[in-house]
N, C-alpha and C. Protein backbone atom coordinates (compact mmCIF):
# COMPACT_ATOMS: atom_id res chain seq x y z
N UNK A 1 -10.84 -19.02 31.12
CA UNK A 1 -9.69 -18.24 30.62
C UNK A 1 -8.70 -19.19 29.93
N UNK A 2 -8.30 -18.83 28.71
CA UNK A 2 -7.39 -19.74 27.98
C UNK A 2 -5.99 -19.78 28.59
N UNK A 3 -5.37 -20.92 28.46
CA UNK A 3 -4.00 -21.06 28.91
C UNK A 3 -3.09 -21.10 27.69
N UNK A 4 -2.00 -20.34 27.75
CA UNK A 4 -1.03 -20.33 26.66
C UNK A 4 0.13 -21.22 27.05
N UNK A 5 0.83 -21.78 26.05
CA UNK A 5 1.94 -22.67 26.40
C UNK A 5 2.99 -22.71 25.29
N UNK A 6 4.15 -23.27 25.64
CA UNK A 6 5.20 -23.58 24.68
C UNK A 6 6.01 -24.74 25.23
N UNK A 7 6.80 -25.35 24.36
CA UNK A 7 7.66 -26.47 24.76
C UNK A 7 9.11 -26.04 24.70
N UNK A 8 9.89 -26.50 25.68
CA UNK A 8 11.33 -26.31 25.65
C UNK A 8 11.91 -27.65 25.18
N UNK A 9 12.66 -27.62 24.09
CA UNK A 9 13.24 -28.85 23.55
C UNK A 9 14.74 -28.64 23.30
N UNK A 10 15.43 -29.76 23.18
CA UNK A 10 16.84 -29.72 22.80
C UNK A 10 16.98 -30.67 21.62
N UNK A 11 16.92 -30.10 20.42
CA UNK A 11 16.95 -30.92 19.21
C UNK A 11 18.04 -30.42 18.27
N UNK A 12 18.44 -31.32 17.39
CA UNK A 12 19.43 -30.99 16.36
C UNK A 12 18.83 -31.40 15.02
N UNK A 13 18.94 -30.52 14.03
CA UNK A 13 18.47 -30.84 12.69
C UNK A 13 19.50 -31.77 12.04
N UNK A 14 19.16 -33.06 11.98
CA UNK A 14 20.12 -34.06 11.49
C UNK A 14 20.44 -33.86 10.01
N UNK A 15 19.51 -33.28 9.25
CA UNK A 15 19.81 -33.00 7.84
C UNK A 15 20.89 -31.93 7.73
N UNK A 16 20.86 -30.95 8.62
CA UNK A 16 21.89 -29.91 8.62
C UNK A 16 23.24 -30.49 9.04
N UNK A 17 23.23 -31.46 9.97
CA UNK A 17 24.48 -32.13 10.35
C UNK A 17 25.04 -32.84 9.12
N UNK A 18 24.16 -33.54 8.40
CA UNK A 18 24.55 -34.24 7.18
C UNK A 18 25.19 -33.28 6.19
N UNK A 19 24.54 -32.13 5.98
CA UNK A 19 25.07 -31.12 5.05
C UNK A 19 26.45 -30.62 5.51
N UNK A 20 26.58 -30.37 6.81
CA UNK A 20 27.85 -29.87 7.35
C UNK A 20 28.96 -30.90 7.18
N UNK A 21 28.63 -32.18 7.41
CA UNK A 21 29.62 -33.26 7.25
C UNK A 21 30.04 -33.35 5.78
N UNK A 22 29.09 -33.24 4.87
CA UNK A 22 29.41 -33.28 3.44
C UNK A 22 30.33 -32.13 3.05
N UNK A 23 30.06 -30.93 3.57
CA UNK A 23 30.91 -29.77 3.27
C UNK A 23 32.31 -29.98 3.85
N UNK A 24 32.37 -30.49 5.08
CA UNK A 24 33.67 -30.71 5.73
C UNK A 24 34.47 -31.76 4.97
N UNK A 25 33.80 -32.82 4.51
CA UNK A 25 34.47 -33.88 3.75
C UNK A 25 35.01 -33.33 2.43
N UNK A 26 34.22 -32.47 1.80
CA UNK A 26 34.65 -31.85 0.55
C UNK A 26 35.90 -30.99 0.79
N UNK A 27 35.87 -30.19 1.87
CA UNK A 27 37.02 -29.34 2.20
C UNK A 27 38.25 -30.20 2.48
N UNK A 28 38.02 -31.32 3.16
CA UNK A 28 39.10 -32.25 3.50
C UNK A 28 39.82 -32.73 2.24
N UNK A 29 39.03 -33.03 1.21
CA UNK A 29 39.59 -33.50 -0.06
C UNK A 29 40.37 -32.44 -0.81
N UNK A 30 40.09 -31.17 -0.53
CA UNK A 30 40.72 -30.08 -1.27
C UNK A 30 41.94 -29.50 -0.56
N UNK A 31 42.07 -29.78 0.74
CA UNK A 31 43.15 -29.15 1.49
C UNK A 31 44.49 -29.83 1.27
N UNK A 32 45.49 -29.00 1.04
CA UNK A 32 46.84 -29.51 0.76
C UNK A 32 47.41 -30.27 1.96
N UNK A 33 47.16 -29.76 3.17
CA UNK A 33 47.73 -30.41 4.36
C UNK A 33 47.10 -31.78 4.64
N UNK A 34 46.03 -32.13 3.92
CA UNK A 34 45.42 -33.46 4.09
C UNK A 34 45.65 -34.35 2.86
N UNK A 35 46.54 -33.90 1.96
CA UNK A 35 46.87 -34.69 0.78
C UNK A 35 47.54 -36.00 1.23
N UNK A 36 47.14 -37.11 0.65
CA UNK A 36 47.65 -38.45 0.99
C UNK A 36 47.38 -38.83 2.45
N UNK A 37 46.39 -38.23 3.03
CA UNK A 37 46.02 -38.53 4.42
C UNK A 37 44.84 -39.49 4.42
N UNK A 38 44.75 -40.31 5.44
CA UNK A 38 43.63 -41.24 5.57
C UNK A 38 42.53 -40.65 6.45
N UNK A 39 42.61 -39.35 6.70
CA UNK A 39 41.63 -38.68 7.57
C UNK A 39 40.23 -38.73 6.95
N UNK A 40 39.24 -38.90 7.82
CA UNK A 40 37.87 -38.97 7.33
C UNK A 40 36.88 -38.59 8.43
N UNK A 41 35.67 -38.25 7.99
CA UNK A 41 34.56 -37.99 8.90
C UNK A 41 33.43 -38.92 8.48
N UNK A 42 32.97 -39.73 9.42
CA UNK A 42 31.88 -40.66 9.12
C UNK A 42 30.67 -40.25 9.96
N UNK A 43 29.50 -40.25 9.35
CA UNK A 43 28.28 -39.82 10.04
C UNK A 43 27.25 -40.94 10.01
N UNK A 44 26.84 -41.39 11.18
CA UNK A 44 25.80 -42.41 11.29
C UNK A 44 24.55 -41.70 11.82
N UNK A 45 23.64 -41.39 10.92
CA UNK A 45 22.45 -40.61 11.27
C UNK A 45 21.55 -41.35 12.26
N UNK A 46 21.38 -42.66 12.07
CA UNK A 46 20.50 -43.44 12.96
C UNK A 46 21.02 -43.48 14.39
N UNK A 47 22.34 -43.65 14.52
CA UNK A 47 22.96 -43.72 15.85
C UNK A 47 23.25 -42.34 16.44
N UNK A 48 23.11 -41.30 15.61
CA UNK A 48 23.44 -39.92 16.00
C UNK A 48 24.89 -39.82 16.48
N UNK A 49 25.78 -40.36 15.64
CA UNK A 49 27.21 -40.38 15.98
C UNK A 49 28.04 -39.93 14.79
N UNK A 50 29.13 -39.25 15.11
CA UNK A 50 30.14 -38.91 14.11
C UNK A 50 31.41 -39.62 14.51
N UNK A 51 32.18 -40.06 13.53
CA UNK A 51 33.48 -40.68 13.83
C UNK A 51 34.54 -39.96 13.02
N UNK A 52 35.52 -39.41 13.73
CA UNK A 52 36.62 -38.72 13.07
C UNK A 52 37.84 -39.65 13.09
N UNK A 53 38.48 -39.81 11.95
CA UNK A 53 39.71 -40.61 11.89
C UNK A 53 40.79 -39.71 11.30
N UNK A 54 41.96 -39.69 11.97
CA UNK A 54 43.05 -38.83 11.50
C UNK A 54 44.38 -39.54 11.68
N UNK A 55 45.40 -39.06 10.93
CA UNK A 55 46.73 -39.66 10.95
C UNK A 55 47.42 -39.44 12.29
N UNK A 56 47.22 -38.26 12.88
CA UNK A 56 47.91 -37.94 14.13
C UNK A 56 47.09 -36.90 14.90
N UNK A 57 47.60 -36.52 16.05
CA UNK A 57 46.89 -35.59 16.93
C UNK A 57 46.65 -34.23 16.27
N UNK A 58 47.65 -33.74 15.57
CA UNK A 58 47.53 -32.44 14.90
C UNK A 58 46.41 -32.47 13.85
N UNK A 59 46.40 -33.52 13.03
CA UNK A 59 45.37 -33.63 11.99
C UNK A 59 43.98 -33.82 12.60
N UNK A 60 43.92 -34.50 13.74
CA UNK A 60 42.63 -34.69 14.41
C UNK A 60 42.08 -33.34 14.87
N UNK A 61 42.96 -32.50 15.40
CA UNK A 61 42.52 -31.16 15.83
C UNK A 61 42.06 -30.34 14.61
N UNK A 62 42.80 -30.45 13.51
CA UNK A 62 42.42 -29.73 12.28
C UNK A 62 41.04 -30.21 11.80
N UNK A 63 40.86 -31.52 11.83
CA UNK A 63 39.61 -32.14 11.39
C UNK A 63 38.45 -31.67 12.27
N UNK A 64 38.68 -31.60 13.57
CA UNK A 64 37.66 -31.12 14.51
C UNK A 64 37.31 -29.67 14.20
N UNK A 65 38.33 -28.85 13.92
CA UNK A 65 38.09 -27.44 13.57
C UNK A 65 37.24 -27.31 12.32
N UNK A 66 37.59 -28.06 11.28
CA UNK A 66 36.84 -28.01 10.02
C UNK A 66 35.38 -28.35 10.29
N UNK A 67 35.17 -29.44 11.02
CA UNK A 67 33.81 -29.90 11.30
C UNK A 67 33.02 -28.89 12.13
N UNK A 68 33.62 -28.39 13.21
CA UNK A 68 32.88 -27.47 14.09
C UNK A 68 32.55 -26.15 13.37
N UNK A 69 33.44 -25.69 12.51
CA UNK A 69 33.15 -24.47 11.74
C UNK A 69 31.96 -24.70 10.81
N UNK A 70 31.96 -25.84 10.13
CA UNK A 70 30.86 -26.17 9.21
C UNK A 70 29.53 -26.31 9.97
N UNK A 71 29.57 -26.94 11.14
CA UNK A 71 28.35 -27.11 11.94
C UNK A 71 27.84 -25.75 12.43
N UNK A 72 28.75 -24.91 12.91
CA UNK A 72 28.36 -23.60 13.42
C UNK A 72 27.73 -22.74 12.32
N UNK A 73 28.29 -22.83 11.11
CA UNK A 73 27.74 -22.06 9.99
C UNK A 73 26.32 -22.49 9.64
N UNK A 74 25.96 -23.72 10.02
CA UNK A 74 24.61 -24.23 9.74
C UNK A 74 23.71 -24.14 10.98
N UNK A 75 24.11 -23.26 11.92
CA UNK A 75 23.32 -22.99 13.13
C UNK A 75 23.11 -24.23 14.00
N UNK A 76 24.09 -25.11 14.03
CA UNK A 76 24.01 -26.26 14.92
C UNK A 76 24.88 -25.94 16.14
N UNK A 77 24.24 -25.94 17.29
CA UNK A 77 24.95 -25.60 18.52
C UNK A 77 25.99 -26.66 18.85
N UNK A 78 27.21 -26.21 19.13
CA UNK A 78 28.27 -27.16 19.48
C UNK A 78 28.04 -27.76 20.86
N UNK A 79 27.10 -27.17 21.63
CA UNK A 79 26.74 -27.75 22.93
C UNK A 79 26.05 -29.10 22.75
N UNK A 80 25.51 -29.36 21.56
CA UNK A 80 24.82 -30.62 21.30
C UNK A 80 25.80 -31.75 21.00
N UNK A 81 27.10 -31.42 20.90
CA UNK A 81 28.10 -32.44 20.58
C UNK A 81 28.86 -32.86 21.83
N UNK A 82 29.05 -34.15 21.97
CA UNK A 82 29.85 -34.66 23.08
C UNK A 82 31.06 -35.38 22.47
N UNK A 83 32.22 -34.75 22.57
CA UNK A 83 33.44 -35.32 22.01
C UNK A 83 34.01 -36.34 22.98
N UNK A 84 34.13 -37.58 22.54
CA UNK A 84 34.74 -38.62 23.37
C UNK A 84 36.26 -38.52 23.25
N UNK A 85 36.98 -39.18 24.16
CA UNK A 85 38.44 -39.16 24.10
C UNK A 85 38.92 -39.88 22.84
N UNK A 86 39.95 -39.31 22.18
CA UNK A 86 40.51 -39.99 21.00
C UNK A 86 41.14 -41.32 21.43
N UNK A 87 41.02 -42.31 20.56
CA UNK A 87 41.62 -43.61 20.85
C UNK A 87 42.47 -44.06 19.67
N UNK A 88 43.45 -44.88 19.97
CA UNK A 88 44.32 -45.40 18.90
C UNK A 88 43.51 -46.36 18.04
N UNK A 89 43.69 -46.23 16.74
CA UNK A 89 43.00 -47.12 15.80
C UNK A 89 44.05 -47.89 15.01
N UNK A 90 43.62 -48.58 13.98
CA UNK A 90 44.51 -49.36 13.12
C UNK A 90 45.68 -48.54 12.60
N UNK A 91 46.84 -49.13 12.50
CA UNK A 91 48.00 -48.50 11.86
C UNK A 91 48.43 -47.16 12.44
N UNK A 92 48.25 -46.95 13.73
CA UNK A 92 48.72 -45.72 14.35
C UNK A 92 47.81 -44.51 14.16
N UNK A 93 46.66 -44.72 13.55
CA UNK A 93 45.72 -43.61 13.37
C UNK A 93 44.99 -43.33 14.67
N UNK A 94 44.36 -42.17 14.73
CA UNK A 94 43.53 -41.82 15.88
C UNK A 94 42.07 -41.79 15.45
N UNK A 95 41.21 -42.29 16.32
CA UNK A 95 39.77 -42.28 16.05
C UNK A 95 39.09 -41.57 17.21
N UNK A 96 38.15 -40.69 16.89
CA UNK A 96 37.41 -39.99 17.93
C UNK A 96 35.92 -40.03 17.61
N UNK A 97 35.15 -40.51 18.57
CA UNK A 97 33.71 -40.53 18.42
C UNK A 97 33.11 -39.23 18.92
N UNK A 98 32.06 -38.79 18.25
CA UNK A 98 31.35 -37.59 18.67
C UNK A 98 29.86 -37.95 18.72
N UNK A 99 29.27 -37.81 19.90
CA UNK A 99 27.85 -38.10 20.05
C UNK A 99 27.04 -36.83 19.85
N UNK A 100 25.92 -36.96 19.14
CA UNK A 100 25.00 -35.84 18.96
C UNK A 100 23.90 -36.02 20.00
N UNK A 101 23.85 -35.12 20.97
CA UNK A 101 22.91 -35.25 22.09
C UNK A 101 21.59 -34.58 21.75
N UNK A 102 20.51 -35.34 21.93
CA UNK A 102 19.17 -34.81 21.66
C UNK A 102 18.30 -35.07 22.88
N UNK A 103 17.36 -34.18 23.12
CA UNK A 103 16.44 -34.35 24.23
C UNK A 103 17.00 -33.77 25.52
N UNK A 104 16.10 -33.54 26.47
CA UNK A 104 16.47 -32.98 27.77
C UNK A 104 16.37 -34.11 28.79
N UNK A 105 17.49 -34.47 29.40
CA UNK A 105 17.44 -35.54 30.40
C UNK A 105 16.84 -35.04 31.71
N UNK A 106 16.55 -35.97 32.62
CA UNK A 106 15.84 -35.63 33.87
C UNK A 106 16.58 -34.58 34.70
N UNK A 107 17.91 -34.70 34.80
CA UNK A 107 18.68 -33.74 35.61
C UNK A 107 18.57 -32.33 35.04
N UNK A 108 18.75 -32.21 33.73
CA UNK A 108 18.68 -30.89 33.08
C UNK A 108 17.26 -30.33 33.19
N UNK A 109 16.26 -31.21 33.07
CA UNK A 109 14.86 -30.77 33.16
C UNK A 109 14.58 -30.19 34.55
N UNK A 110 15.07 -30.87 35.60
CA UNK A 110 14.89 -30.38 36.97
C UNK A 110 15.53 -29.01 37.13
N UNK A 111 16.74 -28.89 36.57
CA UNK A 111 17.48 -27.63 36.65
C UNK A 111 16.69 -26.50 35.97
N UNK A 112 16.16 -26.78 34.77
CA UNK A 112 15.39 -25.77 34.03
C UNK A 112 14.12 -25.37 34.77
N UNK A 113 13.41 -26.36 35.31
CA UNK A 113 12.17 -26.08 36.04
C UNK A 113 12.47 -25.22 37.27
N UNK A 114 13.59 -25.50 37.94
CA UNK A 114 14.01 -24.69 39.08
C UNK A 114 14.26 -23.25 38.67
N UNK A 115 14.93 -23.05 37.54
CA UNK A 115 15.22 -21.71 37.02
C UNK A 115 13.91 -20.96 36.73
N UNK A 116 12.96 -21.68 36.12
CA UNK A 116 11.67 -21.06 35.78
C UNK A 116 10.90 -20.68 37.05
N UNK A 117 10.91 -21.57 38.05
CA UNK A 117 10.21 -21.28 39.31
C UNK A 117 10.81 -20.06 40.01
N UNK A 118 12.13 -19.93 39.94
CA UNK A 118 12.81 -18.80 40.60
C UNK A 118 12.46 -17.44 39.99
N UNK A 119 11.84 -17.45 38.80
CA UNK A 119 11.43 -16.18 38.18
C UNK A 119 10.22 -15.60 38.92
N UNK A 120 9.51 -16.43 39.68
CA UNK A 120 8.37 -15.95 40.47
C UNK A 120 7.17 -15.54 39.64
N UNK A 121 6.99 -16.12 38.47
CA UNK A 121 5.85 -15.81 37.61
C UNK A 121 4.76 -16.86 37.81
N UNK A 122 3.55 -16.52 37.36
CA UNK A 122 2.46 -17.50 37.45
C UNK A 122 2.50 -18.41 36.23
N UNK A 123 3.48 -19.32 36.22
CA UNK A 123 3.61 -20.28 35.12
C UNK A 123 3.75 -21.68 35.70
N UNK A 124 3.25 -22.65 34.96
CA UNK A 124 3.44 -24.05 35.34
C UNK A 124 4.39 -24.68 34.33
N UNK A 125 5.28 -25.56 34.83
CA UNK A 125 6.16 -26.27 33.92
C UNK A 125 6.18 -27.74 34.32
N UNK A 126 6.11 -28.60 33.31
CA UNK A 126 6.15 -30.03 33.59
C UNK A 126 6.94 -30.76 32.51
N UNK A 127 7.57 -31.84 32.93
CA UNK A 127 8.37 -32.64 32.02
C UNK A 127 7.44 -33.57 31.25
N UNK A 128 7.61 -33.60 29.93
CA UNK A 128 6.85 -34.53 29.09
C UNK A 128 7.85 -35.25 28.20
N UNK A 129 8.31 -36.40 28.66
CA UNK A 129 9.31 -37.15 27.91
C UNK A 129 10.63 -36.41 27.91
N UNK A 130 11.10 -36.01 26.71
CA UNK A 130 12.39 -35.32 26.60
C UNK A 130 12.20 -33.82 26.36
N UNK A 131 11.02 -33.31 26.70
CA UNK A 131 10.78 -31.87 26.55
C UNK A 131 10.07 -31.37 27.80
N UNK A 132 9.99 -30.05 27.93
CA UNK A 132 9.32 -29.43 29.06
C UNK A 132 8.21 -28.54 28.51
N UNK A 133 6.99 -28.73 29.00
CA UNK A 133 5.87 -27.87 28.59
C UNK A 133 5.70 -26.80 29.65
N UNK A 134 5.67 -25.54 29.21
CA UNK A 134 5.47 -24.41 30.12
C UNK A 134 4.16 -23.75 29.73
N UNK A 135 3.27 -23.54 30.72
CA UNK A 135 1.98 -22.91 30.41
C UNK A 135 1.68 -21.80 31.42
N UNK A 136 0.87 -20.85 30.96
CA UNK A 136 0.51 -19.70 31.81
C UNK A 136 -0.76 -19.06 31.26
N UNK A 137 -1.49 -18.35 32.15
CA UNK A 137 -2.68 -17.65 31.67
C UNK A 137 -2.33 -16.42 30.82
N UNK A 138 -1.12 -15.86 31.00
CA UNK A 138 -0.74 -14.65 30.25
C UNK A 138 0.45 -14.94 29.32
N UNK A 139 0.30 -14.52 28.07
CA UNK A 139 1.38 -14.70 27.09
C UNK A 139 2.64 -13.95 27.50
N UNK A 140 2.46 -12.80 28.15
CA UNK A 140 3.61 -11.99 28.56
C UNK A 140 4.54 -12.76 29.49
N UNK A 141 3.95 -13.55 30.40
CA UNK A 141 4.76 -14.36 31.32
C UNK A 141 5.61 -15.38 30.55
N UNK A 142 5.00 -15.97 29.52
CA UNK A 142 5.74 -16.95 28.71
C UNK A 142 6.89 -16.26 27.98
N UNK A 143 6.63 -15.04 27.48
CA UNK A 143 7.68 -14.29 26.78
C UNK A 143 8.85 -14.00 27.73
N UNK A 144 8.54 -13.68 28.97
CA UNK A 144 9.60 -13.41 29.96
C UNK A 144 10.43 -14.67 30.19
N UNK A 145 9.76 -15.83 30.31
CA UNK A 145 10.47 -17.11 30.53
C UNK A 145 11.39 -17.39 29.34
N UNK A 146 10.85 -17.26 28.12
CA UNK A 146 11.66 -17.53 26.92
C UNK A 146 12.87 -16.60 26.86
N UNK A 147 12.64 -15.32 27.09
CA UNK A 147 13.74 -14.35 27.05
C UNK A 147 14.80 -14.69 28.09
N UNK A 148 14.35 -15.02 29.30
CA UNK A 148 15.30 -15.36 30.37
C UNK A 148 16.13 -16.59 29.99
N UNK A 149 15.47 -17.63 29.49
CA UNK A 149 16.19 -18.86 29.13
C UNK A 149 17.14 -18.64 27.95
N UNK A 150 16.73 -17.79 27.00
CA UNK A 150 17.60 -17.49 25.85
C UNK A 150 18.89 -16.81 26.31
N UNK A 151 18.79 -15.97 27.34
CA UNK A 151 19.95 -15.22 27.82
C UNK A 151 20.87 -16.06 28.71
N UNK A 152 20.40 -17.23 29.14
CA UNK A 152 21.23 -18.11 29.96
C UNK A 152 22.26 -18.82 29.09
N UNK A 153 23.40 -19.12 29.66
CA UNK A 153 24.37 -19.96 28.95
C UNK A 153 24.18 -21.38 29.50
N UNK A 154 23.15 -22.05 29.01
CA UNK A 154 22.82 -23.38 29.53
C UNK A 154 23.70 -24.42 28.85
N UNK A 155 23.91 -25.56 29.52
CA UNK A 155 24.87 -26.56 29.04
C UNK A 155 24.39 -27.34 27.82
N UNK A 156 23.11 -27.25 27.48
CA UNK A 156 22.62 -27.90 26.26
C UNK A 156 21.89 -26.85 25.42
N UNK A 157 21.80 -27.08 24.12
CA UNK A 157 21.09 -26.10 23.28
C UNK A 157 19.58 -26.17 23.55
N UNK A 158 18.95 -25.02 23.70
CA UNK A 158 17.52 -24.99 23.96
C UNK A 158 16.80 -24.30 22.82
N UNK A 159 15.66 -24.86 22.43
CA UNK A 159 14.80 -24.16 21.47
C UNK A 159 13.36 -24.24 21.97
N UNK A 160 12.55 -23.33 21.45
CA UNK A 160 11.19 -23.19 21.95
C UNK A 160 10.22 -23.45 20.82
N UNK A 161 9.32 -24.42 21.02
CA UNK A 161 8.40 -24.82 19.95
C UNK A 161 6.97 -24.80 20.45
N UNK A 162 6.04 -24.98 19.53
CA UNK A 162 4.60 -25.07 19.83
C UNK A 162 4.10 -23.91 20.69
N UNK A 163 4.57 -22.72 20.38
CA UNK A 163 4.10 -21.54 21.14
C UNK A 163 2.67 -21.24 20.72
N UNK A 164 1.76 -21.31 21.70
CA UNK A 164 0.35 -21.00 21.38
C UNK A 164 -0.36 -20.44 22.60
C-alpha cells in the first residue's frame, strides 16, 4: 500500500523580500516627511538581515510600518521577522536590526509533532533537518493535518510542500 506524504517548512521567498525592500526604499524617497532624512533600509540577502536606520523614534516606527506593509502585500508573513531592539547609532540616529527567520528549530518541531499526534490520526511525522515530513497511508488524513495546522495561529509561518 502506498504511503502519501508532505513536508512542513518555514521558508521566506528572499526575492520577494528584496522586491518589498526596493518598493519601501522608493516610497521612502518620495515621502515628504522623510525629506532631508538619513533614514534607510538595508537588506543583506546572504545574512538574511534587514537594517533600518532612522533619525528618531518616530521615523523608525514610520519606516517599520512602510516595510511591514510592503512585505505583507508580497505575502511574506511578518511572523518570519524578528525585530531586535533599536540601538543608538552615529550622530544620534537609531539603528534596528531585523532577522529573517527560516527553518523550523527543534523546539518548534517538537511542538508541531505533538499537535499532529494529538489529532489521533494514523500519520507519522519526523524531523528532517529544518523541516518535518508527515506521511500516512490515506491522503484524507494528510488533508486533515494540513487543514488543522493552517487554522492554528502558530508562532512561525508554515507552508506545506512536496505533497504526494
